[in-house]
């Protein structure tokens, strides 16, 4: 019986505490475009959660309305609150660092 490689990846990520190692792994696994699409999906979640309309998100991010709609549907099925919390904390830290320099 073979192990599902995707589950192996999930297990590896769950056990990895080194963010640099995770970033290097994602660079090996994903193209720049794929990484950008993931980043946009997180931005879509964040903007939807903040009450921005799908059309405004589409225009702001330069993605199709179908891309935003898929993100909205994913939010209905999956709890992304922990991801959004981490994203907002990281965004806050970065903007504070920029102001301090």
PDB file of N, CA and C in Angstrom:
ATOM      1  N   UNK A   1       0.844  -1.185   0.000  1.00  0.00           N
ATOM      2  CA  UNK A   1       0.000   0.000   0.000  1.00  0.00           C
ATOM      3  C   UNK A   1       0.891   1.251   0.000  1.00  0.00           C
ATOM      4  N   UNK A   2       0.641   2.177  -0.914  1.00  0.00           N
ATOM      5  CA  UNK A   2       1.458   3.385  -0.983  1.00  0.00           C
ATOM      6  C   UNK A   2       0.832   4.507  -0.168  1.00  0.00           C
ATOM      7  N   UNK A   3       1.692   5.359   0.316  1.00  0.00           N
ATOM      8  CA  UNK A   3       1.256   6.506   1.097  1.00  0.00           C
ATOM      9  C   UNK A   3       0.914   7.647   0.144  1.00  0.00           C
ATOM     10  N   UNK A   4      -0.145   8.362   0.439  1.00  0.00           N
ATOM     11  CA  UNK A   4      -0.534   9.518  -0.355  1.00  0.00           C
ATOM     12  C   UNK A   4       0.510  10.621  -0.148  1.00  0.00           C
ATOM     13  N   UNK A   5       1.190  11.069  -1.213  1.00  0.00           N
ATOM     14  CA  UNK A   5       2.213  12.105  -1.066  1.00  0.00           C
ATOM     15  C   UNK A   5       1.676  13.404  -0.465  1.00  0.00           C
ATOM     16  N   UNK A   6       0.429  13.729  -0.751  1.00  0.00           N
ATOM     17  CA  UNK A   6      -0.154  14.955  -0.193  1.00  0.00           C
ATOM     18  C   UNK A   6      -0.236  14.850   1.325  1.00  0.00           C
ATOM     19  N   UNK A   7      -0.644  13.678   1.819  1.00  0.00           N
ATOM     20  CA  UNK A   7      -0.711  13.486   3.272  1.00  0.00           C
ATOM     21  C   UNK A   7       0.678  13.496   3.893  1.00  0.00           C
ATOM     22  N   UNK A   8       1.660  12.992   3.160  1.00  0.00           N
ATOM     23  CA  UNK A   8       3.040  13.065   3.641  1.00  0.00           C
ATOM     24  C   UNK A   8       3.475  14.525   3.784  1.00  0.00           C
ATOM     25  N   UNK A   9       3.098  15.348   2.806  1.00  0.00           N
ATOM     26  CA  UNK A   9       3.417  16.774   2.871  1.00  0.00           C
ATOM     27  C   UNK A   9       2.755  17.421   4.081  1.00  0.00           C
ATOM     28  N   UNK A  10       1.471  17.130   4.291  1.00  0.00           N
ATOM     29  CA  UNK A  10       0.759  17.713   5.431  1.00  0.00           C
ATOM     30  C   UNK A  10       1.403  17.311   6.756  1.00  0.00           C
ATOM     31  N   UNK A  11       1.774  16.052   6.869  1.00  0.00           N
ATOM     32  CA  UNK A  11       2.432  15.570   8.084  1.00  0.00           C
ATOM     33  C   UNK A  11       3.770  16.274   8.279  1.00  0.00           C
ATOM     34  N   UNK A  12       4.524  16.400   7.209  1.00  0.00           N
ATOM     35  CA  UNK A  12       5.816  17.087   7.286  1.00  0.00           C
ATOM     36  C   UNK A  12       5.638  18.540   7.747  1.00  0.00           C
ATOM     37  N   UNK A  13       4.685  19.236   7.146  1.00  0.00           N
ATOM     38  CA  UNK A  13       4.451  20.636   7.515  1.00  0.00           C
ATOM     39  C   UNK A  13       4.000  20.763   8.967  1.00  0.00           C
ATOM     40  N   UNK A  14       3.166  19.840   9.416  1.00  0.00           N
ATOM     41  CA  UNK A  14       2.691  19.871  10.803  1.00  0.00           C
ATOM     42  C   UNK A  14       3.831  19.673  11.787  1.00  0.00           C
ATOM     43  N   UNK A  15       4.855  18.958  11.373  1.00  0.00           N
ATOM     44  CA  UNK A  15       5.987  18.679  12.258  1.00  0.00           C
ATOM     45  C   UNK A  15       7.130  19.669  12.114  1.00  0.00           C
ATOM     46  N   UNK A  16       7.027  20.573  11.154  1.00  0.00           N
ATOM     47  CA  UNK A  16       8.120  21.506  10.863  1.00  0.00           C
ATOM     48  C   UNK A  16       7.902  22.818  11.617  1.00  0.00           C
ATOM     49  N   UNK A  17       8.918  23.213  12.387  1.00  0.00           N
ATOM     50  CA  UNK A  17       8.805  24.466  13.129  1.00  0.00           C
ATOM     51  C   UNK A  17       9.702  25.559  12.551  1.00  0.00           C
ATOM     52  N   UNK A  18      10.423  25.242  11.488  1.00  0.00           N
ATOM     53  CA  UNK A  18      11.351  26.182  10.865  1.00  0.00           C
ATOM     54  C   UNK A  18      10.687  26.833   9.650  1.00  0.00           C
ATOM     55  N   UNK A  19      10.310  28.103   9.781  1.00  0.00           N
ATOM     56  CA  UNK A  19       9.600  28.775   8.693  1.00  0.00           C
ATOM     57  C   UNK A  19      10.464  28.907   7.438  1.00  0.00           C
ATOM     58  N   UNK A  20      11.765  29.011   7.601  1.00  0.00           N
ATOM     59  CA  UNK A  20      12.644  29.089   6.435  1.00  0.00           C
ATOM     60  C   UNK A  20      12.625  27.778   5.658  1.00  0.00           C
ATOM     61  N   UNK A  21      12.631  26.665   6.368  1.00  0.00           N
ATOM     62  CA  UNK A  21      12.567  25.357   5.713  1.00  0.00           C
ATOM     63  C   UNK A  21      11.240  25.184   4.975  1.00  0.00           C
ATOM     64  N   UNK A  22      10.157  25.663   5.576  1.00  0.00           N
ATOM     65  CA  UNK A  22       8.847  25.576   4.929  1.00  0.00           C
ATOM     66  C   UNK A  22       8.837  26.439   3.667  1.00  0.00           C
ATOM     67  N   UNK A  23       9.397  27.636   3.753  1.00  0.00           N
ATOM     68  CA  UNK A  23       9.448  28.526   2.589  1.00  0.00           C
ATOM     69  C   UNK A  23      10.264  27.899   1.457  1.00  0.00           C
ATOM     70  N   UNK A  24      11.389  27.285   1.791  1.00  0.00           N
ATOM     71  CA  UNK A  24      12.206  26.617   0.773  1.00  0.00           C
ATOM     72  C   UNK A  24      11.463  25.442   0.148  1.00  0.00           C
ATOM     73  N   UNK A  25      10.733  24.701   0.965  1.00  0.00           N
ATOM     74  CA  UNK A  25       9.957  23.578   0.453  1.00  0.00           C
ATOM     75  C   UNK A  25       8.872  24.063  -0.510  1.00  0.00           C
ATOM     76  N   UNK A  26       8.170  25.128  -0.132  1.00  0.00           N
ATOM     77  CA  UNK A  26       7.134  25.673  -1.013  1.00  0.00           C
ATOM     78  C   UNK A  26       7.736  26.192  -2.315  1.00  0.00           C
ATOM     79  N   UNK A  27       8.944  26.761  -2.243  1.00  0.00           N
ATOM     80  CA  UNK A  27       9.604  27.224  -3.463  1.00  0.00           C
ATOM     81  C   UNK A  27       9.937  26.062  -4.380  1.00  0.00           C
ATOM     82  N   UNK A  28      10.247  24.914  -3.792  1.00  0.00           N
ATOM     83  CA  UNK A  28      10.540  23.726  -4.595  1.00  0.00           C
ATOM     84  C   UNK A  28       9.266  23.116  -5.180  1.00  0.00           C
ATOM     85  N   UNK A  29       8.178  23.197  -4.442  1.00  0.00           N
ATOM     86  CA  UNK A  29       6.927  22.555  -4.855  1.00  0.00           C
ATOM     87  C   UNK A  29       6.070  23.412  -5.783  1.00  0.00           C
ATOM     88  N   UNK A  30       6.111  24.723  -5.597  1.00  0.00           N
ATOM     89  CA  UNK A  30       5.174  25.609  -6.283  1.00  0.00           C
ATOM     90  C   UNK A  30       5.906  26.607  -7.173  1.00  0.00           C
ATOM     91  N   UNK A  31       5.329  26.885  -8.327  1.00  0.00           N
ATOM     92  CA  UNK A  31       5.867  27.948  -9.179  1.00  0.00           C
ATOM     93  C   UNK A  31       5.557  29.295  -8.533  1.00  0.00           C
ATOM     94  N   UNK A  32       6.211  30.344  -9.030  1.00  0.00           N
ATOM     95  CA  UNK A  32       5.915  31.689  -8.529  1.00  0.00           C
ATOM     96  C   UNK A  32       4.438  32.025  -8.711  1.00  0.00           C
ATOM     97  N   UNK A  33       3.889  31.623  -9.858  1.00  0.00           N
ATOM     98  CA  UNK A  33       2.471  31.895 -10.129  1.00  0.00           C
ATOM     99  C   UNK A  33       1.572  31.173  -9.130  1.00  0.00           C
ATOM    100  N   UNK A  34       1.882  29.915  -8.829  1.00  0.00           N
ATOM    101  CA  UNK A  34       1.089  29.161  -7.858  1.00  0.00           C
ATOM    102  C   UNK A  34       1.172  29.788  -6.467  1.00  0.00           C
ATOM    103  N   UNK A  35       2.364  30.251  -6.105  1.00  0.00           N
ATOM    104  CA  UNK A  35       2.519  30.927  -4.816  1.00  0.00           C
ATOM    105  C   UNK A  35       1.693  32.213  -4.779  1.00  0.00           C
ATOM    106  N   UNK A  36       1.675  32.948  -5.885  1.00  0.00           N
ATOM    107  CA  UNK A  36       0.882  34.175  -5.974  1.00  0.00           C
ATOM    108  C   UNK A  36      -0.612  33.880  -5.882  1.00  0.00           C
ATOM    109  N   UNK A  37      -1.046  32.783  -6.490  1.00  0.00           N
ATOM    110  CA  UNK A  37      -2.457  32.400  -6.425  1.00  0.00           C
ATOM    111  C   UNK A  37      -2.875  32.061  -4.996  1.00  0.00           C
ATOM    112  N   UNK A  38      -1.995  31.399  -4.257  1.00  0.00           N
ATOM    113  CA  UNK A  38      -2.285  31.109  -2.848  1.00  0.00           C
ATOM    114  C   UNK A  38      -2.365  32.406  -2.052  1.00  0.00           C
ATOM    115  N   UNK A  39      -1.419  33.308  -2.292  1.00  0.00           N
ATOM    116  CA  UNK A  39      -1.431  34.598  -1.601  1.00  0.00           C
ATOM    117  C   UNK A  39      -2.720  35.358  -1.912  1.00  0.00           C
ATOM    118  N   UNK A  40      -3.143  35.337  -3.177  1.00  0.00           N
ATOM    119  CA  UNK A  40      -4.387  36.009  -3.550  1.00  0.00           C
ATOM    120  C   UNK A  40      -5.594  35.367  -2.876  1.00  0.00           C
ATOM    121  N   UNK A  41      -5.592  34.043  -2.747  1.00  0.00           N
ATOM    122  CA  UNK A  41      -6.714  33.370  -2.079  1.00  0.00           C
ATOM    123  C   UNK A  41      -6.818  33.854  -0.629  1.00  0.00           C
ATOM    124  N   UNK A  42      -5.682  33.996   0.034  1.00  0.00           N
ATOM    125  CA  UNK A  42      -5.689  34.489   1.417  1.00  0.00           C
ATOM    126  C   UNK A  42      -6.165  35.933   1.454  1.00  0.00           C
ATOM    127  N   UNK A  43      -5.720  36.751   0.502  1.00  0.00           N
ATOM    128  CA  UNK A  43      -6.197  38.142   0.433  1.00  0.00           C
ATOM    129  C   UNK A  43      -7.706  38.187   0.194  1.00  0.00           C
ATOM    130  N   UNK A  44      -8.199  37.295  -0.654  1.00  0.00           N
ATOM    131  CA  UNK A  44      -9.642  37.225  -0.925  1.00  0.00           C
ATOM    132  C   UNK A  44     -10.392  36.899   0.354  1.00  0.00           C
ATOM    133  N   UNK A  45      -9.933  35.893   1.094  1.00  0.00           N
ATOM    134  CA  UNK A  45     -10.565  35.552   2.375  1.00  0.00           C
ATOM    135  C   UNK A  45     -10.613  36.774   3.285  1.00  0.00           C
ATOM    136  N   UNK A  46      -9.480  37.454   3.393  1.00  0.00           N
ATOM    137  CA  UNK A  46      -9.370  38.612   4.288  1.00  0.00           C
ATOM    138  C   UNK A  46     -10.335  39.721   3.877  1.00  0.00           C
ATOM    139  N   UNK A  47     -10.365  40.044   2.602  1.00  0.00           N
ATOM    140  CA  UNK A  47     -11.226  41.133   2.134  1.00  0.00           C
ATOM    141  C   UNK A  47     -12.702  40.773   2.258  1.00  0.00           C
ATOM    142  N   UNK A  48     -13.047  39.523   1.963  1.00  0.00           N
ATOM    143  CA  UNK A  48     -14.442  39.094   2.137  1.00  0.00           C
ATOM    144  C   UNK A  48     -14.856  39.210   3.600  1.00  0.00           C
ATOM    145  N   UNK A  49     -13.968  38.780   4.481  1.00  0.00           N
ATOM    146  CA  UNK A  49     -14.242  38.843   5.922  1.00  0.00           C
ATOM    147  C   UNK A  49     -14.447  40.283   6.379  1.00  0.00           C
ATOM    148  N   UNK A  50     -13.783  41.216   5.717  1.00  0.00           N
ATOM    149  CA  UNK A  50     -13.887  42.649   6.054  1.00  0.00           C
ATOM    150  C   UNK A  50     -15.098  43.314   5.382  1.00  0.00           C
ATOM    151  N   UNK A  51     -15.845  42.541   4.584  1.00  0.00           N
ATOM    152  CA  UNK A  51     -17.069  43.062   3.983  1.00  0.00           C
ATOM    153  C   UNK A  51     -16.907  43.708   2.624  1.00  0.00           C
ATOM    154  N   UNK A  52     -15.752  43.556   2.008  1.00  0.00           N
ATOM    155  CA  UNK A  52     -15.541  44.112   0.675  1.00  0.00           C
ATOM    156  C   UNK A  52     -16.321  43.252  -0.324  1.00  0.00           C
ATOM    157  N   UNK A  53     -16.951  43.885  -1.296  1.00  0.00           N
ATOM    158  CA  UNK A  53     -17.750  43.134  -2.276  1.00  0.00           C
ATOM    159  C   UNK A  53     -16.847  42.319  -3.201  1.00  0.00           C
ATOM    160  N   UNK A  54     -17.423  41.276  -3.761  1.00  0.00           N
ATOM    161  CA  UNK A  54     -16.657  40.422  -4.673  1.00  0.00           C
ATOM    162  C   UNK A  54     -16.151  41.209  -5.875  1.00  0.00           C
ATOM    163  N   UNK A  55     -16.965  42.074  -6.396  1.00  0.00           N
ATOM    164  CA  UNK A  55     -16.553  42.880  -7.556  1.00  0.00           C
ATOM    165  C   UNK A  55     -15.381  43.798  -7.192  1.00  0.00           C
ATOM    166  N   UNK A  56     -15.440  44.420  -6.025  1.00  0.00           N
ATOM    167  CA  UNK A  56     -14.338  45.287  -5.590  1.00  0.00           C
ATOM    168  C   UNK A  56     -13.053  44.490  -5.397  1.00  0.00           C
ATOM    169  N   UNK A  57     -13.172  43.299  -4.846  1.00  0.00           N
ATOM    170  CA  UNK A  57     -12.003  42.440  -4.644  1.00  0.00           C
ATOM    171  C   UNK A  57     -11.403  42.069  -5.994  1.00  0.00           C
ATOM    172  N   UNK A  58     -12.248  41.702  -6.941  1.00  0.00           N
ATOM    173  CA  UNK A  58     -11.800  41.346  -8.288  1.00  0.00           C
ATOM    174  C   UNK A  58     -10.995  42.487  -8.898  1.00  0.00           C
ATOM    175  N   UNK A  59     -11.509  43.689  -8.785  1.00  0.00           N
ATOM    176  CA  UNK A  59     -10.834  44.857  -9.353  1.00  0.00           C
ATOM    177  C   UNK A  59      -9.551  45.176  -8.595  1.00  0.00           C
ATOM    178  N   UNK A  60      -9.602  45.114  -7.269  1.00  0.00           N
ATOM    179  CA  UNK A  60      -8.457  45.465  -6.439  1.00  0.00           C
ATOM    180  C   UNK A  60      -7.281  44.507  -6.657  1.00  0.00           C
ATOM    181  N   UNK A  61      -7.568  43.216  -6.758  1.00  0.00           N
ATOM    182  CA  UNK A  61      -6.507  42.223  -6.885  1.00  0.00           C
ATOM    183  C   UNK A  61      -6.173  41.874  -8.336  1.00  0.00           C
ATOM    184  N   UNK A  62      -7.007  42.324  -9.264  1.00  0.00           N
ATOM    185  CA  UNK A  62      -6.765  42.022 -10.668  1.00  0.00           C
ATOM    186  C   UNK A  62      -6.999  40.559 -11.000  1.00  0.00           C
ATOM    187  N   UNK A  63      -7.997  39.965 -10.324  1.00  0.00           N
ATOM    188  CA  UNK A  63      -8.356  38.566 -10.590  1.00  0.00           C
ATOM    189  C   UNK A  63      -9.795  38.532 -11.096  1.00  0.00           C
ATOM    190  N   UNK A  64     -10.161  37.427 -11.703  1.00  0.00           N
ATOM    191  CA  UNK A  64     -11.517  37.292 -12.222  1.00  0.00           C
ATOM    192  C   UNK A  64     -12.538  37.139 -11.107  1.00  0.00           C
ATOM    193  N   UNK A  65     -13.751  37.499 -11.399  1.00  0.00           N
ATOM    194  CA  UNK A  65     -14.834  37.371 -10.427  1.00  0.00           C
ATOM    195  C   UNK A  65     -15.038  35.909 -10.038  1.00  0.00           C
ATOM    196  N   UNK A  66     -14.791  34.981 -10.959  1.00  0.00           N
ATOM    197  CA  UNK A  66     -14.925  33.550 -10.649  1.00  0.00           C
ATOM    198  C   UNK A  66     -13.908  33.122  -9.597  1.00  0.00           C
ATOM    199  N   UNK A  67     -12.715  33.704  -9.644  1.00  0.00           N
ATOM    200  CA  UNK A  67     -11.685  33.403  -8.642  1.00  0.00           C
ATOM    201  C   UNK A  67     -12.154  33.846  -7.261  1.00  0.00           C
ATOM    202  N   UNK A  68     -12.746  35.029  -7.201  1.00  0.00           N
ATOM    203  CA  UNK A  68     -13.252  35.548  -5.921  1.00  0.00           C
ATOM    204  C   UNK A  68     -14.424  34.695  -5.449  1.00  0.00           C
ATOM    205  N   UNK A  69     -15.299  34.313  -6.363  1.00  0.00           N
ATOM    206  CA  UNK A  69     -16.451  33.474  -5.999  1.00  0.00           C
ATOM    207  C   UNK A  69     -16.013  32.130  -5.438  1.00  0.00           C
ATOM    208  N   UNK A  70     -14.961  31.535  -6.045  1.00  0.00           N
ATOM    209  CA  UNK A  70     -14.439  30.267  -5.510  1.00  0.00           C
ATOM    210  C   UNK A  70     -13.907  30.457  -4.092  1.00  0.00           C
ATOM    211  N   UNK A  71     -13.258  31.587  -3.847  1.00  0.00           N
ATOM    212  CA  UNK A  71     -12.778  31.882  -2.501  1.00  0.00           C
ATOM    213  C   UNK A  71     -13.925  32.033  -1.518  1.00  0.00           C
ATOM    214  N   UNK A  72     -14.995  32.690  -1.952  1.00  0.00           N
ATOM    215  CA  UNK A  72     -16.170  32.868  -1.093  1.00  0.00           C
ATOM    216  C   UNK A  72     -16.814  31.523  -0.775  1.00  0.00           C
ATOM    217  N   UNK A  73     -16.905  30.648  -1.775  1.00  0.00           N
ATOM    218  CA  UNK A  73     -17.481  29.316  -1.543  1.00  0.00           C
ATOM    219  C   UNK A  73     -16.606  28.508  -0.594  1.00  0.00           C
ATOM    220  N   UNK A  74     -15.296  28.613  -0.754  1.00  0.00           N
ATOM    221  CA  UNK A  74     -14.377  27.891   0.133  1.00  0.00           C
ATOM    222  C   UNK A  74     -14.553  28.356   1.582  1.00  0.00           C
ATOM    223  N   UNK A  75     -14.773  29.651   1.767  1.00  0.00           N
ATOM    224  CA  UNK A  75     -14.978  30.177   3.126  1.00  0.00           C
ATOM    225  C   UNK A  75     -16.259  29.652   3.753  1.00  0.00           C
ATOM    226  N   UNK A  76     -17.259  29.355   2.925  1.00  0.00           N
ATOM    227  CA  UNK A  76     -18.514  28.818   3.452  1.00  0.00           C
ATOM    228  C   UNK A  76     -18.347  27.390   3.946  1.00  0.00           C
ATOM    229  N   UNK A  77     -17.406  26.670   3.350  1.00  0.00           N
ATOM    230  CA  UNK A  77     -17.211  25.255   3.660  1.00  0.00           C
ATOM    231  C   UNK A  77     -16.128  25.048   4.720  1.00  0.00           C
ATOM    232  N   UNK A  78     -15.108  25.899   4.706  1.00  0.00           N
ATOM    233  CA  UNK A  78     -13.941  25.713   5.570  1.00  0.00           C
ATOM    234  C   UNK A  78     -13.773  26.883   6.525  1.00  0.00           C
ATOM    235  N   UNK A  79     -13.344  26.574   7.726  1.00  0.00           N
ATOM    236  CA  UNK A  79     -13.056  27.609   8.720  1.00  0.00           C
ATOM    237  C   UNK A  79     -11.643  28.132   8.478  1.00  0.00           C
ATOM    238  N   UNK A  80     -11.536  29.346   8.019  1.00  0.00           N
ATOM    239  CA  UNK A  80     -10.232  29.940   7.739  1.00  0.00           C
ATOM    240  C   UNK A  80      -9.867  31.003   8.772  1.00  0.00           C
ATOM    241  N   UNK A  81     -10.570  31.020   9.878  1.00  0.00           N
ATOM    242  CA  UNK A  81     -10.359  32.064  10.881  1.00  0.00           C
ATOM    243  C   UNK A  81      -8.945  32.051  11.457  1.00  0.00           C
ATOM    244  N   UNK A  82      -8.375  30.874  11.715  1.00  0.00           N
ATOM    245  CA  UNK A  82      -7.015  30.815  12.265  1.00  0.00           C
ATOM    246  C   UNK A  82      -6.003  31.347  11.245  1.00  0.00           C
ATOM    247  N   UNK A  83      -6.191  31.005   9.966  1.00  0.00           N
ATOM    248  CA  UNK A  83      -5.316  31.510   8.912  1.00  0.00           C
ATOM    249  C   UNK A  83      -5.415  33.030   8.824  1.00  0.00           C
ATOM    250  N   UNK A  84      -6.626  33.562   8.870  1.00  0.00           N
ATOM    251  CA  UNK A  84      -6.810  35.014   8.795  1.00  0.00           C
ATOM    252  C   UNK A  84      -6.193  35.709  10.000  1.00  0.00           C
ATOM    253  N   UNK A  85      -6.311  35.109  11.168  1.00  0.00           N
ATOM    254  CA  UNK A  85      -5.704  35.688  12.376  1.00  0.00           C
ATOM    255  C   UNK A  85      -4.191  35.796  12.200  1.00  0.00           C
ATOM    256  N   UNK A  86      -3.566  34.719  11.725  1.00  0.00           N
ATOM    257  CA  UNK A  86      -2.121  34.727  11.492  1.00  0.00           C
ATOM    258  C   UNK A  86      -1.754  35.749  10.426  1.00  0.00           C
ATOM    259  N   UNK A  87      -2.515  35.792   9.345  1.00  0.00           N
ATOM    260  CA  UNK A  87      -2.253  36.745   8.265  1.00  0.00           C
ATOM    261  C   UNK A  87      -2.324  38.183   8.780  1.00  0.00           C
ATOM    262  N   UNK A  88      -3.331  38.477   9.556  1.00  0.00           N
ATOM    263  CA  UNK A  88      -3.500  39.846  10.063  1.00  0.00           C
ATOM    264  C   UNK A  88      -2.415  40.198  11.070  1.00  0.00           C
ATOM    265  N   UNK A  89      -2.007  39.238  11.879  1.00  0.00           N
ATOM    266  CA  UNK A  89      -0.914  39.488  12.824  1.00  0.00           C
ATOM    267  C   UNK A  89       0.375  39.781  12.068  1.00  0.00           C
ATOM    268  N   UNK A  90       0.665  38.985  11.031  1.00  0.00           N
ATOM    269  CA  UNK A  90       1.877  39.203  10.239  1.00  0.00           C
ATOM    270  C   UNK A  90       1.822  40.529   9.499  1.00  0.00           C
ATOM    271  N   UNK A  91       0.655  40.886   8.985  1.00  0.00           N
ATOM    272  CA  UNK A  91       0.491  42.158   8.289  1.00  0.00           C
ATOM    273  C   UNK A  91       0.719  43.315   9.255  1.00  0.00           C
ATOM    274  N   UNK A  92       0.196  43.181  10.474  1.00  0.00           N
ATOM    275  CA  UNK A  92       0.364  44.211  11.485  1.00  0.00           C
ATOM    276  C   UNK A  92       1.821  44.366  11.888  1.00  0.00           C
ATOM    277  N   UNK A  93       2.525  43.250  12.045  1.00  0.00           N
ATOM    278  CA  UNK A  93       3.941  43.292  12.415  1.00  0.00           C
ATOM    279  C   UNK A  93       4.744  43.964  11.320  1.00  0.00           C
ATOM    280  N   UNK A  94       4.498  43.631  10.068  1.00  0.00           N
ATOM    281  CA  UNK A  94       5.243  44.215   8.959  1.00  0.00           C
ATOM    282  C   UNK A  94       4.992  45.704   8.849  1.00  0.00           C
ATOM    283  N   UNK A  95       3.734  46.142   9.016  1.00  0.00           N
ATOM    284  CA  UNK A  95       3.447  47.566   8.887  1.00  0.00           C
ATOM    285  C   UNK A  95       4.041  48.346  10.056  1.00  0.00           C
ATOM    286  N   UNK A  96       4.117  47.725  11.244  1.00  0.00           N
ATOM    287  CA  UNK A  96       4.741  48.371  12.387  1.00  0.00           C
ATOM    288  C   UNK A  96       6.240  48.500  12.156  1.00  0.00           C
ATOM    289  N   UNK A  97       6.871  47.468  11.604  1.00  0.00           N
ATOM    290  CA  UNK A  97       8.307  47.494  11.324  1.00  0.00           C
ATOM    291  C   UNK A  97       8.635  48.581  10.310  1.00  0.00           C
ATOM    292  N   UNK A  98       7.792  48.745   9.314  1.00  0.00           N
ATOM    293  CA  UNK A  98       8.022  49.753   8.289  1.00  0.00           C
ATOM    294  C   UNK A  98       7.920  51.146   8.901  1.00  0.00           C
ATOM    295  N   UNK A  99       6.960  51.354   9.792  1.00  0.00           N
ATOM    296  CA  UNK A  99       6.796  52.660  10.429  1.00  0.00           C
ATOM    297  C   UNK A  99       7.966  52.994  11.337  1.00  0.00           C
ATOM    298  N   UNK A 100       8.576  51.972  11.955  1.00  0.00           N
ATOM    299  CA  UNK A 100       9.670  52.190  12.893  1.00  0.00           C
ATOM    300  C   UNK A 100      10.972  52.530  12.202  1.00  0.00           C
ATOM    301  N   UNK A 101      11.084  52.235  10.903  1.00  0.00           N
ATOM    302  CA  UNK A 101      12.362  52.491  10.218  1.00  0.00           C
ATOM    303  C   UNK A 101      12.455  53.882   9.679  1.00  0.00           C
TER     304      UNK A 101
END
